[in-house]
PDB file of all heavy atoms in Angstrom:
ATOM      1  N   ASP A   1     117.255  80.482  75.432  1.00  0.00           N
ATOM      2  CA  ASP A   1     116.528  79.220  75.326  1.00  0.00           C
ATOM      3  C   ASP A   1     116.025  78.853  76.718  1.00  0.00           C
ATOM      4  O   ASP A   1     116.795  78.421  77.568  1.00  0.00           O
ATOM      5  CB  ASP A   1     117.433  78.114  74.780  1.00  0.00           C
ATOM      6  CG  ASP A   1     117.913  78.421  73.369  1.00  0.00           C
ATOM      7  OD1 ASP A   1     117.250  79.210  72.677  1.00  0.00           O
ATOM      8  OD2 ASP A   1     118.946  77.857  72.966  1.00  0.00           O
ATOM      9  N   VAL A   2     114.720  79.026  76.933  1.00  0.00           N
ATOM     10  CA  VAL A   2     114.167  78.864  78.272  1.00  0.00           C
ATOM     11  C   VAL A   2     114.076  77.399  78.684  1.00  0.00           C
ATOM     12  O   VAL A   2     114.031  76.500  77.841  1.00  0.00           O
ATOM     13  CB  VAL A   2     112.767  79.518  78.389  1.00  0.00           C
ATOM     14  CG1 VAL A   2     112.848  81.015  78.208  1.00  0.00           C
ATOM     15  CG2 VAL A   2     111.783  78.901  77.424  1.00  0.00           C
ATOM     16  N   ASP A   3     114.082  77.201  80.001  1.00  0.00           N
ATOM     17  CA  ASP A   3     113.805  75.884  80.559  1.00  0.00           C
ATOM     18  C   ASP A   3     112.720  76.057  81.617  1.00  0.00           C
ATOM     19  O   ASP A   3     112.235  77.164  81.851  1.00  0.00           O
ATOM     20  CB  ASP A   3     115.066  75.214  81.117  1.00  0.00           C
ATOM     21  CG  ASP A   3     115.728  76.012  82.227  1.00  0.00           C
ATOM     22  OD1 ASP A   3     115.023  76.757  82.938  1.00  0.00           O
ATOM     23  OD2 ASP A   3     116.946  75.886  82.384  1.00  0.00           O
ATOM     24  N   VAL A   4     112.328  74.972  82.254  1.00  0.00           N
ATOM     25  CA  VAL A   4     111.223  75.020  83.205  1.00  0.00           C
ATOM     26  C   VAL A   4     111.517  75.984  84.356  1.00  0.00           C
ATOM     27  O   VAL A   4     110.611  76.609  84.904  1.00  0.00           O
ATOM     28  CB  VAL A   4     110.923  73.592  83.730  1.00  0.00           C
ATOM     29  CG1 VAL A   4     109.827  73.599  84.765  1.00  0.00           C
ATOM     30  CG2 VAL A   4     110.532  72.678  82.571  1.00  0.00           C
ATOM     31  N   GLY A   5     112.780  76.176  84.705  1.00  0.00           N
ATOM     32  CA  GLY A   5     113.156  77.098  85.772  1.00  0.00           C
ATOM     33  C   GLY A   5     112.836  78.555  85.469  1.00  0.00           C
ATOM     34  O   GLY A   5     112.803  79.383  86.380  1.00  0.00           O
ATOM     35  N   HIS A   6     112.596  78.898  84.211  1.00  0.00           N
ATOM     36  CA  HIS A   6     112.227  80.268  83.851  1.00  0.00           C
ATOM     37  C   HIS A   6     110.741  80.547  84.099  1.00  0.00           C
ATOM     38  O   HIS A   6     110.299  81.682  83.960  1.00  0.00           O
ATOM     39  CB  HIS A   6     112.560  80.546  82.381  1.00  0.00           C
ATOM     40  CG  HIS A   6     114.021  80.700  82.117  1.00  0.00           C
ATOM     41  ND1 HIS A   6     114.778  79.722  81.534  1.00  0.00           N
ATOM     42  CD2 HIS A   6     114.860  81.727  82.366  1.00  0.00           C
ATOM     43  CE1 HIS A   6     116.028  80.136  81.423  1.00  0.00           C
ATOM     44  NE2 HIS A   6     116.108  81.354  81.927  1.00  0.00           N
ATOM     45  N   SER A   7     109.960  79.523  84.426  1.00  0.00           N
ATOM     46  CA  SER A   7     108.539  79.732  84.710  1.00  0.00           C
ATOM     47  C   SER A   7     108.389  80.616  85.937  1.00  0.00           C
ATOM     48  O   SER A   7     109.241  80.624  86.821  1.00  0.00           O
ATOM     49  CB  SER A   7     107.843  78.393  84.967  1.00  0.00           C
ATOM     50  OG  SER A   7     107.810  77.620  83.801  1.00  0.00           O
ATOM     51  N   GLY A   8     107.298  81.362  85.978  1.00  0.00           N
ATOM     52  CA  GLY A   8     107.018  82.216  87.130  1.00  0.00           C
ATOM     53  C   GLY A   8     106.530  83.582  86.697  1.00  0.00           C
ATOM     54  O   GLY A   8     106.137  83.783  85.548  1.00  0.00           O
ATOM     55  N   THR A   9     106.586  84.530  87.630  1.00  0.00           N
ATOM     56  CA  THR A   9     106.114  85.884  87.329  1.00  0.00           C
ATOM     57  C   THR A   9     107.300  86.819  87.135  1.00  0.00           C
ATOM     58  O   THR A   9     108.325  86.702  87.809  1.00  0.00           O
ATOM     59  CB  THR A   9     105.225  86.422  88.469  1.00  0.00           C
ATOM     60  OG1 THR A   9     105.977  86.429  89.680  1.00  0.00           O
ATOM     61  CG2 THR A   9     103.971  85.587  88.626  1.00  0.00           C
ATOM     62  N   TYR A  10     107.138  87.715  86.178  1.00  0.00           N
ATOM     63  CA  TYR A  10     108.159  88.725  85.876  1.00  0.00           C
ATOM     64  C   TYR A  10     107.536  90.098  86.054  1.00  0.00           C
ATOM     65  O   TYR A  10     106.378  90.323  85.694  1.00  0.00           O
ATOM     66  CB  TYR A  10     108.671  88.563  84.441  1.00  0.00           C
ATOM     67  CG  TYR A  10     109.551  87.344  84.276  1.00  0.00           C
ATOM     68  CD1 TYR A  10     108.992  86.097  84.002  1.00  0.00           C
ATOM     69  CD2 TYR A  10     110.930  87.433  84.420  1.00  0.00           C
ATOM     70  CE1 TYR A  10     109.796  84.972  83.873  1.00  0.00           C
ATOM     71  CE2 TYR A  10     111.737  86.314  84.290  1.00  0.00           C
ATOM     72  CZ  TYR A  10     111.166  85.088  84.017  1.00  0.00           C
ATOM     73  OH  TYR A  10     111.959  83.980  83.899  1.00  0.00           O
ATOM     74  N   GLN A  11     108.328  91.012  86.617  1.00  0.00           N
ATOM     75  CA  GLN A  11     107.932  92.408  86.754  1.00  0.00           C
ATOM     76  C   GLN A  11     109.114  93.288  86.411  1.00  0.00           C
ATOM     77  O   GLN A  11     110.272  92.879  86.555  1.00  0.00           O
ATOM     78  CB  GLN A  11     107.482  92.721  88.187  1.00  0.00           C
ATOM     79  CG  GLN A  11     106.077  92.281  88.492  1.00  0.00           C
ATOM     80  CD  GLN A  11     105.625  92.806  89.839  1.00  0.00           C
ATOM     81  OE1 GLN A  11     106.198  92.433  90.862  1.00  0.00           O
ATOM     82  NE2 GLN A  11     104.627  93.681  89.828  1.00  0.00           N
ATOM     83  N   CYS A  12     108.776  94.470  85.982  1.00  0.00           N
ATOM     84  CA  CYS A  12     109.786  95.461  85.647  1.00  0.00           C
ATOM     85  C   CYS A  12     109.560  96.674  86.564  1.00  0.00           C
ATOM     86  O   CYS A  12     108.430  97.125  86.746  1.00  0.00           O
ATOM     87  CB  CYS A  12     109.616  95.855  84.186  1.00  0.00           C
ATOM     88  SG  CYS A  12     110.573  97.279  83.700  1.00  0.00           S
ATOM     89  N   VAL A  13     110.656  97.179  87.134  1.00  0.00           N
ATOM     90  CA  VAL A  13     110.597  98.389  87.952  1.00  0.00           C
ATOM     91  C   VAL A  13     111.330  99.489  87.184  1.00  0.00           C
ATOM     92  O   VAL A  13     112.525  99.380  86.903  1.00  0.00           O
ATOM     93  CB  VAL A  13     111.272  98.172  89.334  1.00  0.00           C
ATOM     94  CG1 VAL A  13     111.191  99.456  90.153  1.00  0.00           C
ATOM     95  CG2 VAL A  13     110.652  96.999  90.067  1.00  0.00           C
ATOM     96  N   ALA A  14     110.586 100.523  86.791  1.00  0.00           N
ATOM     97  CA  ALA A  14     111.179 101.667  86.088  1.00  0.00           C
ATOM     98  C   ALA A  14     111.416 102.774  87.114  1.00  0.00           C
ATOM     99  O   ALA A  14     110.559 103.061  87.957  1.00  0.00           O
ATOM    100  CB  ALA A  14     110.245 102.136  84.989  1.00  0.00           C
ATOM    101  N   THR A  15     112.603 103.375  87.029  1.00  0.00           N
ATOM    102  CA  THR A  15     112.985 104.396  88.014  1.00  0.00           C
ATOM    103  C   THR A  15     113.589 105.606  87.299  1.00  0.00           C
ATOM    104  O   THR A  15     114.329 105.445  86.333  1.00  0.00           O
ATOM    105  CB  THR A  15     114.042 103.815  88.990  1.00  0.00           C
ATOM    106  OG1 THR A  15     113.564 102.601  89.526  1.00  0.00           O
ATOM    107  CG2 THR A  15     114.331 104.780  90.112  1.00  0.00           C
ATOM    108  N   ASN A  16     113.258 106.808  87.775  1.00  0.00           N
ATOM    109  CA  ASN A  16     113.980 108.014  87.343  1.00  0.00           C
ATOM    110  C   ASN A  16     114.097 108.975  88.527  1.00  0.00           C
ATOM    111  O   ASN A  16     113.419 108.819  89.536  1.00  0.00           O
ATOM    112  CB  ASN A  16     113.353 108.657  86.104  1.00  0.00           C
ATOM    113  CG  ASN A  16     112.025 109.321  86.369  1.00  0.00           C
ATOM    114  OD1 ASN A  16     111.445 109.177  87.438  1.00  0.00           O
ATOM    115  ND2 ASN A  16     111.518 110.052  85.373  1.00  0.00           N
ATOM    116  N   GLN A  17     115.014 109.925  88.391  1.00  0.00           N
ATOM    117  CA  GLN A  17     115.267 110.911  89.456  1.00  0.00           C
ATOM    118  C   GLN A  17     115.000 112.290  88.888  1.00  0.00           C
ATOM    119  O   GLN A  17     115.431 112.604  87.781  1.00  0.00           O
ATOM    120  CB  GLN A  17     116.716 110.804  89.934  1.00  0.00           C
ATOM    121  CG  GLN A  17     117.038 109.455  90.535  1.00  0.00           C
ATOM    122  CD  GLN A  17     118.516 109.319  90.874  1.00  0.00           C
ATOM    123  OE1 GLN A  17     119.342 110.092  90.416  1.00  0.00           O
ATOM    124  NE2 GLN A  17     118.829 108.333  91.696  1.00  0.00           N
ATOM    125  N   LEU A  18     114.283 113.061  89.651  1.00  0.00           N
ATOM    126  CA  LEU A  18     113.938 114.406  89.199  1.00  0.00           C
ATOM    127  C   LEU A  18     114.355 115.444  90.238  1.00  0.00           C
ATOM    128  O   LEU A  18     114.640 115.114  91.387  1.00  0.00           O
ATOM    129  CB  LEU A  18     112.436 114.510  88.944  1.00  0.00           C
ATOM    130  CG  LEU A  18     111.878 113.631  87.808  1.00  0.00           C
ATOM    131  CD1 LEU A  18     110.373 113.797  87.713  1.00  0.00           C
ATOM    132  CD2 LEU A  18     112.528 113.984  86.491  1.00  0.00           C
ATOM    133  N   GLY A  19     114.358 116.662  89.810  1.00  0.00           N
ATOM    134  CA  GLY A  19     114.713 117.781  90.692  1.00  0.00           C
ATOM    135  C   GLY A  19     116.145 118.212  90.439  1.00  0.00           C
ATOM    136  O   GLY A  19     116.941 117.496  89.842  1.00  0.00           O
ATOM    137  N   GLN A  20     116.440 119.417  90.898  1.00  0.00           N
ATOM    138  CA  GLN A  20     117.781 119.951  90.677  1.00  0.00           C
ATOM    139  C   GLN A  20     118.837 119.136  91.393  1.00  0.00           C
ATOM    140  O   GLN A  20     119.943 118.971  90.905  1.00  0.00           O
ATOM    141  CB  GLN A  20     117.842 121.405  91.128  1.00  0.00           C
ATOM    142  CG  GLN A  20     117.025 122.309  90.243  1.00  0.00           C
ATOM    143  CD  GLN A  20     117.095 123.762  90.720  1.00  0.00           C
ATOM    144  OE1 GLN A  20     117.515 124.052  91.832  1.00  0.00           O
ATOM    145  NE2 GLN A  20     116.671 124.662  89.843  1.00  0.00           N
ATOM    146  N   ASP A  21     118.514 118.616  92.535  1.00  0.00           N
ATOM    147  CA  ASP A  21     119.504 117.843  93.277  1.00  0.00           C
ATOM    148  C   ASP A  21     119.380 116.332  93.008  1.00  0.00           C
ATOM    149  O   ASP A  21     120.138 115.550  93.562  1.00  0.00           O
ATOM    150  CB  ASP A  21     119.370 118.128  94.773  1.00  0.00           C
ATOM    151  CG  ASP A  21     117.957 117.881  95.273  1.00  0.00           C
ATOM    152  OD1 ASP A  21     117.097 117.405  94.490  1.00  0.00           O
ATOM    153  OD2 ASP A  21     117.704 118.161  96.464  1.00  0.00           O
ATOM    154  N   ARG A  22     118.408 115.924  92.209  1.00  0.00           N
ATOM    155  CA  ARG A  22     118.168 114.519  91.820  1.00  0.00           C
ATOM    156  C   ARG A  22     117.950 113.616  93.045  1.00  0.00           C
ATOM    157  O   ARG A  22     118.267 112.453  93.027  1.00  0.00           O
ATOM    158  CB  ARG A  22     119.312 113.972  90.967  1.00  0.00           C
ATOM    159  CG  ARG A  22     119.490 114.698  89.656  1.00  0.00           C
ATOM    160  CD  ARG A  22     119.472 113.667  88.531  1.00  0.00           C
ATOM    161  NE  ARG A  22     119.661 114.317  87.245  1.00  0.00           N
ATOM    162  CZ  ARG A  22     118.723 114.357  86.323  1.00  0.00           C
ATOM    163  NH1 ARG A  22     117.562 113.826  86.528  1.00  0.00           N
ATOM    164  NH2 ARG A  22     118.957 114.938  85.179  1.00  0.00           N
ATOM    165  N   HIS A  23     117.393 114.204  94.114  1.00  0.00           N
ATOM    166  CA  HIS A  23     117.101 113.399  95.296  1.00  0.00           C
ATOM    167  C   HIS A  23     115.684 112.856  95.270  1.00  0.00           C
ATOM    168  O   HIS A  23     115.347 112.007  96.080  1.00  0.00           O
ATOM    169  CB  HIS A  23     117.312 114.232  96.578  1.00  0.00           C
ATOM    170  CG  HIS A  23     118.753 114.495  96.848  1.00  0.00           C
ATOM    171  ND1 HIS A  23     119.666 113.503  97.063  1.00  0.00           N
ATOM    172  CD2 HIS A  23     119.449 115.658  96.937  1.00  0.00           C
ATOM    173  CE1 HIS A  23     120.852 114.031  97.281  1.00  0.00           C
ATOM    174  NE2 HIS A  23     120.754 115.359  97.200  1.00  0.00           N
ATOM    175  N   SER A  24     114.871 113.326  94.352  1.00  0.00           N
ATOM    176  CA  SER A  24     113.505 112.819  94.250  1.00  0.00           C
ATOM    177  C   SER A  24     113.515 111.615  93.304  1.00  0.00           C
ATOM    178  O   SER A  24     113.772 111.738  92.109  1.00  0.00           O
ATOM    179  CB  SER A  24     112.564 113.888  93.696  1.00  0.00           C
ATOM    180  OG  SER A  24     112.561 114.998  94.557  1.00  0.00           O
ATOM    181  N   VAL A  25     113.269 110.418  93.850  1.00  0.00           N
ATOM    182  CA  VAL A  25     113.292 109.171  93.068  1.00  0.00           C
ATOM    183  C   VAL A  25     111.846 108.709  92.864  1.00  0.00           C
ATOM    184  O   VAL A  25     111.069 108.643  93.814  1.00  0.00           O
ATOM    185  CB  VAL A  25     114.111 108.072  93.796  1.00  0.00           C
ATOM    186  CG1 VAL A  25     114.076 106.771  93.015  1.00  0.00           C
ATOM    187  CG2 VAL A  25     115.541 108.534  94.003  1.00  0.00           C
ATOM    188  N   PHE A  26     111.544 108.365  91.619  1.00  0.00           N
ATOM    189  CA  PHE A  26     110.197 107.895  91.284  1.00  0.00           C
ATOM    190  C   PHE A  26     110.296 106.481  90.701  1.00  0.00           C
ATOM    191  O   PHE A  26     111.226 106.172  89.953  1.00  0.00           O
ATOM    192  CB  PHE A  26     109.535 108.840  90.264  1.00  0.00           C
ATOM    193  CG  PHE A  26     109.340 110.226  90.802  1.00  0.00           C
ATOM    194  CD1 PHE A  26     110.318 111.201  90.612  1.00  0.00           C
ATOM    195  CD2 PHE A  26     108.193 110.554  91.516  1.00  0.00           C
ATOM    196  CE1 PHE A  26     110.138 112.478  91.116  1.00  0.00           C
ATOM    197  CE2 PHE A  26     108.027 111.822  92.030  1.00  0.00           C
ATOM    198  CZ  PHE A  26     108.996 112.800  91.824  1.00  0.00           C
ATOM    199  N   ARG A  27     109.346 105.657  91.079  1.00  0.00           N
ATOM    200  CA  ARG A  27     109.333 104.261  90.605  1.00  0.00           C
ATOM    201  C   ARG A  27     107.963 103.917  90.052  1.00  0.00           C
ATOM    202  O   ARG A  27     106.945 104.349  90.592  1.00  0.00           O
ATOM    203  CB  ARG A  27     109.632 103.299  91.740  1.00  0.00           C
ATOM    204  CG  ARG A  27     111.034 103.425  92.211  1.00  0.00           C
ATOM    205  CD  ARG A  27     111.302 102.535  93.363  1.00  0.00           C
ATOM    206  NE  ARG A  27     112.569 103.049  93.885  1.00  0.00           N
ATOM    207  CZ  ARG A  27     113.555 102.327  94.300  1.00  0.00           C
ATOM    208  NH1 ARG A  27     113.436 101.070  94.344  1.00  0.00           N
ATOM    209  NH2 ARG A  27     114.677 102.852  94.694  1.00  0.00           N
ATOM    210  N   ALA A  28     107.983 103.091  89.017  1.00  0.00           N
ATOM    211  CA  ALA A  28     106.733 102.550  88.449  1.00  0.00           C
ATOM    212  C   ALA A  28     106.926 101.044  88.308  1.00  0.00           C
ATOM    213  O   ALA A  28     107.877 100.590  87.662  1.00  0.00           O
ATOM    214  CB  ALA A  28     106.442 103.190  87.099  1.00  0.00           C
ATOM    215  N   LEU A  29     106.041 100.292  88.920  1.00  0.00           N
ATOM    216  CA  LEU A  29     106.108  98.832  88.889  1.00  0.00           C
ATOM    217  C   LEU A  29     105.109  98.326  87.856  1.00  0.00           C
ATOM    218  O   LEU A  29     103.926  98.687  87.895  1.00  0.00           O
ATOM    219  CB  LEU A  29     105.779  98.278  90.281  1.00  0.00           C
ATOM    220  CG  LEU A  29     105.915  96.783  90.478  1.00  0.00           C
ATOM    221  CD1 LEU A  29     107.353  96.316  90.267  1.00  0.00           C
ATOM    222  CD2 LEU A  29     105.466  96.405  91.894  1.00  0.00           C
ATOM    223  N   SER A  30     105.596  97.505  86.938  1.00  0.00           N
ATOM    224  CA  SER A  30     104.707  96.964  85.899  1.00  0.00           C
ATOM    225  C   SER A  30     103.789  95.898  86.501  1.00  0.00           C
ATOM    226  O   SER A  30     104.085  95.346  87.560  1.00  0.00           O
ATOM    227  CB  SER A  30     105.534  96.328  84.783  1.00  0.00           C
ATOM    228  OG  SER A  30     106.112  95.111  85.235  1.00  0.00           O
ATOM    229  N   PRO A  31     102.684  95.604  85.829  1.00  0.00           N
ATOM    230  CA  PRO A  31     101.882  94.458  86.243  1.00  0.00           C
ATOM    231  C   PRO A  31     102.710  93.179  86.081  1.00  0.00           C
ATOM    232  O   PRO A  31     103.638  93.123  85.252  1.00  0.00           O
ATOM    233  CB  PRO A  31     100.695  94.458  85.278  1.00  0.00           C
ATOM    234  CG  PRO A  31     100.675  95.809  84.658  1.00  0.00           C
ATOM    235  CD  PRO A  31     102.087  96.319  84.709  1.00  0.00           C
ATOM    236  N   GLU A  32     102.374  92.148  86.848  1.00  0.00           N
ATOM    237  CA  GLU A  32     103.098  90.883  86.740  1.00  0.00           C
ATOM    238  C   GLU A  32     102.779  90.199  85.417  1.00  0.00           C
ATOM    239  O   GLU A  32     101.639  90.204  84.955  1.00  0.00           O
ATOM    240  CB  GLU A  32     102.712  89.940  87.884  1.00  0.00           C
ATOM    241  CG  GLU A  32     103.254  90.360  89.222  1.00  0.00           C
ATOM    242  CD  GLU A  32     102.946  89.336  90.313  1.00  0.00           C
ATOM    243  OE1 GLU A  32     102.095  88.450  90.095  1.00  0.00           O
ATOM    244  OE2 GLU A  32     103.566  89.428  91.383  1.00  0.00           O
ATOM    245  N   LEU A  33     103.808  89.621  84.824  1.00  0.00           N
ATOM    246  CA  LEU A  33     103.643  88.811  83.622  1.00  0.00           C
ATOM    247  C   LEU A  33     103.936  87.367  84.029  1.00  0.00           C
ATOM    248  O   LEU A  33     105.038  87.059  84.490  1.00  0.00           O
ATOM    249  CB  LEU A  33     104.622  89.249  82.523  1.00  0.00           C
ATOM    250  CG  LEU A  33     104.665  88.328  81.310  1.00  0.00           C
ATOM    251  CD1 LEU A  33     103.447  88.573  80.427  1.00  0.00           C
ATOM    252  CD2 LEU A  33     105.940  88.515  80.522  1.00  0.00           C
ATOM    253  N   ALA A  34     102.936  86.517  83.909  1.00  0.00           N
ATOM    254  CA  ALA A  34     103.123  85.098  84.240  1.00  0.00           C
ATOM    255  C   ALA A  34     103.635  84.372  83.002  1.00  0.00           C
ATOM    256  O   ALA A  34     103.042  84.455  81.926  1.00  0.00           O
ATOM    257  CB  ALA A  34     101.811  84.492  84.713  1.00  0.00           C
ATOM    258  N   LEU A  35     104.742  83.674  83.164  1.00  0.00           N
ATOM    259  CA  LEU A  35     105.334  82.914  82.060  1.00  0.00           C
ATOM    260  C   LEU A  35     105.363  81.445  82.459  1.00  0.00           C
ATOM    261  O   LEU A  35     105.903  81.093  83.510  1.00  0.00           O
ATOM    262  CB  LEU A  35     106.754  83.414  81.767  1.00  0.00           C
ATOM    263  CG  LEU A  35     107.459  82.768  80.585  1.00  0.00           C
ATOM    264  CD1 LEU A  35     106.775  83.138  79.278  1.00  0.00           C
ATOM    265  CD2 LEU A  35     108.919  83.180  80.553  1.00  0.00           C
ATOM    266  N   GLU A  36     104.760  80.600  81.634  1.00  0.00           N
ATOM    267  CA  GLU A  36     104.751  79.159  81.891  1.00  0.00           C
ATOM    268  C   GLU A  36     105.578  78.463  80.817  1.00  0.00           C
ATOM    269  O   GLU A  36     105.298  78.603  79.635  1.00  0.00           O
ATOM    270  CB  GLU A  36     103.317  78.619  81.876  1.00  0.00           C
ATOM    271  CG  GLU A  36     103.245  77.147  82.198  1.00  0.00           C
ATOM    272  CD  GLU A  36     101.823  76.608  82.164  1.00  0.00           C
ATOM    273  OE1 GLU A  36     100.886  77.388  81.874  1.00  0.00           O
ATOM    274  OE2 GLU A  36     101.659  75.415  82.394  1.00  0.00           O
ATOM    275  N   VAL A  37     106.604  77.739  81.254  1.00  0.00           N
ATOM    276  CA  VAL A  37     107.465  77.004  80.326  1.00  0.00           C
ATOM    277  C   VAL A  37     107.087  75.537  80.422  1.00  0.00           C
ATOM    278  O   VAL A  37     107.224  74.915  81.474  1.00  0.00           O
ATOM    279  CB  VAL A  37     108.959  77.199  80.654  1.00  0.00           C
ATOM    280  CG1 VAL A  37     109.820  76.433  79.674  1.00  0.00           C
ATOM    281  CG2 VAL A  37     109.315  78.683  80.629  1.00  0.00           C
TER     282      VAL A  37
END
């Protein structure tokens, strides 16, 4: 149940690790979602 304090921008950062040693880290940042309460 949202209140006015939940207003603002939200983003999601997706991360995975690839390679045999899993030292290669990849990130994808979502576009900002503006939420107005």
